C-alpha cells in the first residue's frame, strides 16, 4: 500500500507558491498520499507526481481568480483544485461541493486539520443546491466532466456576470467548439483558453474561462432559482 513516506519532497516552486502556508500544503500532500489513497480518493500511481501534477497544477489557478470573491469548487473530490486554491488565497470564501459522503468526510477533516476557516464543505450535487447555495462569483472544477455537461452544472451556481474556471487538458479548444450551442443556451457570453503557471509548472496549466451574462444558466435556471427562493422564504416564515 502506498503511504506518505513515498511522497517525494516538495519542489522549490511549492515553497514560493504556498508561502507561509507551505507547511499546511505539505500536510495536505501527506494526507492525499496516505488517507487519500487508502480511501480510494486518488490512485497510488498519482503519489509520485502529487506536487507537480496536482497541488501546483491547481494552485496556479489563483492567477486568474479575482480578489476577495466567493468560489464554489464543483465536484471537489479530494479537494482539487479547491484546497490548493484556499492555501494560496486566504482572501477567498470557498465552498467545496461534493456529493459522495466518503469524500466530504475527508474534505471536512482536511479543512479542520489545516485550519482553513474560509472554506466550507457542502455535500450535494450542483443541481440539488441550486437556490439554497448563495450564488458565487466564480465556479471552479477539475476533471469533473466534458465542458458542455460541466457548464450545465456549474454555470447556474454563478452570480450575474460571474465566471467558471475549469482546469482542462490539450483538448480545451475542441471542448469549447463542441459546447458552443450548450453554452449559449446557458447564458454564456464569452469563452477563452488561458495558460497559467509560468515558472511553476511544466507544461503550463490550461484553464477554460467561461463568462456569463445577467442570467446565469439561461431562462430555465432563472425560473428554478426564483422558485427555490420563494420556497426558502416560505419555510423561514413558518
Protein backbone atom coordinates (compact mmCIF):
# COMPACT_ATOMS: atom_id res chain seq x y z
CA UNK A 1 0.00 0.00 0.00
CA UNK A 2 1.28 3.45 -0.89
CA UNK A 3 1.76 5.77 2.09
CA UNK A 4 3.01 9.25 2.90
CA UNK A 5 6.61 8.02 3.18
CA UNK A 6 6.64 7.52 -0.60
CA UNK A 7 5.66 11.11 -1.26
CA UNK A 8 8.53 12.95 -2.97
CA UNK A 9 9.98 16.04 -1.35
CA UNK A 10 8.21 19.24 -2.29
CA UNK A 11 9.89 21.13 -5.15
CA UNK A 12 11.31 24.60 -4.53
CA UNK A 13 8.46 26.13 -6.51
CA UNK A 14 5.99 24.87 -3.90
CA UNK A 15 7.57 26.94 -1.14
CA UNK A 16 7.31 30.06 -3.27
CA UNK A 17 3.71 29.37 -4.31
CA UNK A 18 2.29 28.44 -0.91
CA UNK A 19 4.38 30.89 1.11
CA UNK A 20 3.52 30.96 4.81
CA UNK A 21 1.10 28.07 4.39
CA UNK A 22 3.73 25.79 2.82
CA UNK A 23 3.72 23.51 5.93
CA UNK A 24 -0.05 23.11 5.51
CA UNK A 25 0.43 22.28 1.83
CA UNK A 26 2.93 19.57 2.81
CA UNK A 27 0.46 18.18 5.33
CA UNK A 28 -2.27 18.11 2.69
CA UNK A 29 0.04 16.27 0.28
CA UNK A 30 0.78 13.73 3.03
CA UNK A 31 -2.93 13.23 3.67
CA UNK A 32 -3.58 12.64 -0.03
CA UNK A 33 -0.70 10.16 -0.24
CA UNK A 34 -1.91 8.25 2.82
CA UNK A 35 -5.62 8.53 3.66
CA UNK A 36 -6.44 9.73 0.14
CA UNK A 37 -5.08 6.53 -1.36
CA UNK A 38 -6.46 4.22 1.34
CA UNK A 39 -9.96 5.67 0.90
CA UNK A 40 -9.80 5.46 -2.87
CA UNK A 41 -9.82 9.22 -3.47
CA UNK A 42 -6.68 9.15 -5.60
CA UNK A 43 -4.79 6.31 -7.25
CA UNK A 44 -1.47 5.13 -5.77
CA UNK A 45 0.29 5.89 -9.06
CA UNK A 46 -0.50 9.57 -8.56
CA UNK A 47 1.55 9.85 -5.35
CA UNK A 48 4.97 10.38 -7.02
CA UNK A 49 3.55 13.26 -9.06
CA UNK A 50 1.27 14.79 -6.43
CA UNK A 51 3.16 18.06 -6.28
CA UNK A 52 3.62 18.88 -9.96
CA UNK A 53 0.51 17.29 -11.46
CA UNK A 54 -1.97 18.03 -8.69
CA UNK A 55 -1.12 20.56 -5.97
CA UNK A 56 0.88 23.05 -8.05
CA UNK A 57 -1.22 22.47 -11.15
CA UNK A 58 -4.24 23.54 -9.12
CA UNK A 59 -2.61 26.28 -7.04
CA UNK A 60 -1.64 28.31 -10.12
CA UNK A 61 -5.34 28.67 -10.92
CA UNK A 62 -5.17 31.51 -8.39
CA UNK A 63 -3.52 33.65 -11.10
CA UNK A 64 -6.89 34.15 -12.80
CA UNK A 65 -9.23 34.27 -9.78
CA UNK A 66 -10.26 37.83 -8.83
CA UNK A 67 -9.55 39.14 -5.33
CA UNK A 68 -11.90 38.64 -2.38
CA UNK A 69 -14.66 36.77 -4.23
CA UNK A 70 -16.83 33.77 -3.43
CA UNK A 71 -15.89 30.47 -5.08
CA UNK A 72 -17.66 27.12 -5.44
CA UNK A 73 -15.47 24.15 -6.34
CA UNK A 74 -17.86 21.77 -8.10
CA UNK A 75 -17.21 18.04 -7.75
CA UNK A 76 -14.33 18.78 -5.40
CA UNK A 77 -13.42 15.12 -4.88
CA UNK A 78 -10.22 15.02 -2.83
CA UNK A 79 -10.14 18.83 -2.77
CA UNK A 80 -8.62 19.62 -6.14
CA UNK A 81 -8.46 22.45 -7.05
CA UNK A 82 -10.32 23.88 -4.03
CA UNK A 83 -7.83 23.09 -1.24
CA UNK A 84 -4.65 24.28 -3.05
CA UNK A 85 -6.54 27.42 -4.09
CA UNK A 86 -7.57 28.01 -0.48
CA UNK A 87 -3.98 27.60 0.70
CA UNK A 88 -2.67 30.34 -1.59
CA UNK A 89 -5.72 32.64 -1.42
CA UNK A 90 -6.98 33.32 2.12
CA UNK A 91 -8.93 36.28 0.69
CA UNK A 92 -11.42 33.93 -0.97
CA UNK A 93 -14.52 32.35 0.55
CA UNK A 94 -14.58 28.84 -0.89
CA UNK A 95 -17.28 26.17 -0.89
CA UNK A 96 -16.19 22.61 -1.67
CA UNK A 97 -19.23 20.95 -3.26
CA UNK A 98 -19.10 17.15 -3.42
CA UNK A 99 -21.94 14.56 -3.49
CA UNK A 100 -20.13 11.50 -2.05
CA UNK A 101 -20.06 11.07 1.73
CA UNK A 102 -16.60 9.48 1.96
CA UNK A 103 -15.16 12.42 0.05
CA UNK A 104 -16.95 15.09 2.07
CA UNK A 105 -15.77 13.39 5.26
CA UNK A 106 -12.19 13.58 4.01
CA UNK A 107 -12.61 17.19 2.91
CA UNK A 108 -14.03 18.21 6.29
CA UNK A 109 -11.12 16.53 8.07
CA UNK A 110 -8.62 18.36 5.84
CA UNK A 111 -10.31 21.73 6.32
CA UNK A 112 -10.32 21.35 10.11
CA UNK A 113 -6.78 19.96 10.31
CA UNK A 114 -5.33 22.74 8.17
CA UNK A 115 -7.37 25.46 9.88
CA UNK A 116 -8.98 26.72 6.68
CA UNK A 117 -11.64 28.93 8.24
CA UNK A 118 -12.53 30.45 4.87
CA UNK A 119 -13.55 27.06 3.43
CA UNK A 120 -16.93 25.31 3.80
CA UNK A 121 -17.72 21.74 2.78
CA UNK A 122 -21.19 21.04 1.36
CA UNK A 123 -22.44 17.59 0.42
CA UNK A 124 -24.64 17.57 -2.66
CA UNK A 125 -24.83 17.82 -6.42
CA UNK A 126 -24.82 21.15 -8.18
CA UNK A 127 -28.39 20.74 -9.38
CA UNK A 128 -29.53 19.90 -5.84
CA UNK A 129 -28.09 23.02 -4.16
CA UNK A 130 -29.39 25.45 -6.78
CA UNK A 131 -31.41 28.04 -4.91
CA UNK A 132 -30.09 27.04 -1.47
CA UNK A 133 -26.42 27.79 -2.04
CA UNK A 134 -25.80 31.51 -2.34
CA UNK A 135 -24.77 32.34 -5.96
CA UNK A 136 -20.99 32.78 -6.27
CA UNK A 137 -18.64 34.96 -8.28
CA UNK A 138 -16.52 32.03 -9.50
CA UNK A 139 -17.09 28.30 -10.07
CA UNK A 140 -14.02 26.08 -10.34
CA UNK A 141 -13.70 22.48 -11.48
CA UNK A 142 -11.12 19.92 -12.49
CA UNK A 143 -11.57 16.53 -14.17
CA UNK A 144 -15.31 16.53 -13.49
CA UNK A 145 -16.96 16.22 -16.93
CA UNK A 146 -16.81 17.43 -20.54
CA UNK A 147 -17.36 21.18 -20.81
CA UNK A 148 -20.96 21.08 -22.02
CA UNK A 149 -22.08 18.94 -19.07
CA UNK A 150 -19.86 20.75 -16.59
CA UNK A 151 -21.30 24.10 -17.64
CA UNK A 152 -24.81 22.74 -17.15
CA UNK A 153 -23.94 22.03 -13.51
CA UNK A 154 -21.65 24.95 -12.71
CA UNK A 155 -22.96 27.97 -14.62
CA UNK A 156 -26.36 28.11 -12.82
CA UNK A 157 -24.50 28.49 -9.49
CA UNK A 158 -22.94 31.78 -10.62
CA UNK A 159 -23.95 35.33 -9.83
CA UNK A 160 -24.80 37.53 -12.83
CA UNK A 161 -21.60 38.27 -14.77
CA UNK A 162 -19.71 35.59 -12.86
CA UNK A 163 -17.27 33.13 -14.40
CA UNK A 164 -16.45 29.44 -14.43
CA UNK A 165 -12.78 28.41 -14.45
CA UNK A 166 -12.26 24.81 -15.49
CA UNK A 167 -8.83 23.16 -15.47
CA UNK A 168 -8.63 21.21 -18.72
CA UNK A 169 -6.09 19.43 -20.89
CA UNK A 170 -4.94 19.62 -24.51
CA UNK A 171 -8.49 19.27 -25.84
CA UNK A 172 -9.71 22.55 -24.30
CA UNK A 173 -10.30 24.29 -27.65
CA UNK A 174 -12.11 21.26 -29.04
CA UNK A 175 -14.35 21.11 -25.98
CA UNK A 176 -15.26 24.78 -26.37
CA UNK A 177 -16.10 24.30 -30.06
CA UNK A 178 -18.24 21.27 -29.28
CA UNK A 179 -20.06 23.00 -26.45
CA UNK A 180 -20.88 26.36 -28.07
CA UNK A 181 -24.59 25.65 -28.54
CA UNK A 182 -25.00 24.41 -24.98
CA UNK A 183 -23.02 27.35 -23.58
CA UNK A 184 -25.14 29.85 -25.48
CA UNK A 185 -28.35 28.39 -24.02
CA UNK A 186 -26.81 28.73 -20.55
CA UNK A 187 -26.35 32.46 -20.96
CA UNK A 188 -22.59 32.35 -21.61
CA UNK A 189 -21.24 35.50 -23.27
CA UNK A 190 -17.56 34.74 -23.57
CA UNK A 191 -15.14 31.79 -23.56
CA UNK A 192 -11.36 31.68 -23.72
CA UNK A 193 -8.45 29.34 -23.05
CA UNK A 194 -5.79 30.58 -20.65
CA UNK A 195 -2.36 29.21 -19.79
CA UNK A 196 -1.20 29.73 -16.20
CA UNK A 197 1.73 28.68 -14.02
CA UNK A 198 4.68 30.18 -15.91
CA UNK A 199 7.85 29.28 -13.99
CA UNK A 200 5.93 26.93 -11.68
CA UNK A 201 4.56 24.02 -13.73
CA UNK A 202 5.65 22.46 -17.00
CA UNK A 203 3.56 22.04 -19.05
CA UNK A 204 1.52 25.08 -18.10
CA UNK A 205 -1.95 24.55 -16.63
CA UNK A 206 -4.76 25.04 -19.13
CA UNK A 207 -7.86 26.86 -17.94
CA UNK A 208 -11.12 27.31 -19.80
CA UNK A 209 -12.74 30.57 -18.70
CA UNK A 210 -16.48 30.91 -19.25
CA UNK A 211 -18.13 34.27 -18.52
CA UNK A 212 -21.90 34.60 -18.12
CA UNK A 213 -24.30 37.50 -18.54
CA UNK A 214 -27.11 38.69 -16.32
CA UNK A 215 -28.95 35.34 -16.36
CA UNK A 216 -26.51 32.50 -15.44
CA UNK A 217 -27.90 29.22 -16.69
CA UNK A 218 -30.38 30.87 -19.02
CA UNK A 219 -34.13 31.33 -18.66
CA UNK A 220 -34.86 27.80 -17.38
CA UNK A 221 -32.47 28.08 -14.44
CA UNK A 222 -33.62 31.62 -13.63
CA UNK A 223 -37.10 30.18 -13.09
CA UNK A 224 -35.70 27.37 -10.91
CA UNK A 225 -33.75 29.84 -8.77
CA UNK A 226 -36.80 32.06 -8.32
CA UNK A 227 -38.93 29.07 -7.26
CA UNK A 228 -36.26 27.86 -4.81
CA UNK A 229 -36.00 31.36 -3.32
CA UNK A 230 -39.81 31.52 -2.83
CA UNK A 231 -39.82 28.12 -1.13
CA UNK A 232 -36.95 29.23 1.10
CA UNK A 233 -38.80 32.38 2.17
CA UNK A 234 -41.95 30.38 2.91
CA UNK A 235 -40.02 27.93 5.09
CA UNK A 236 -38.33 30.75 7.01
CA UNK A 237 -41.69 32.38 7.82
CA UNK A 238 -43.05 29.14 9.30
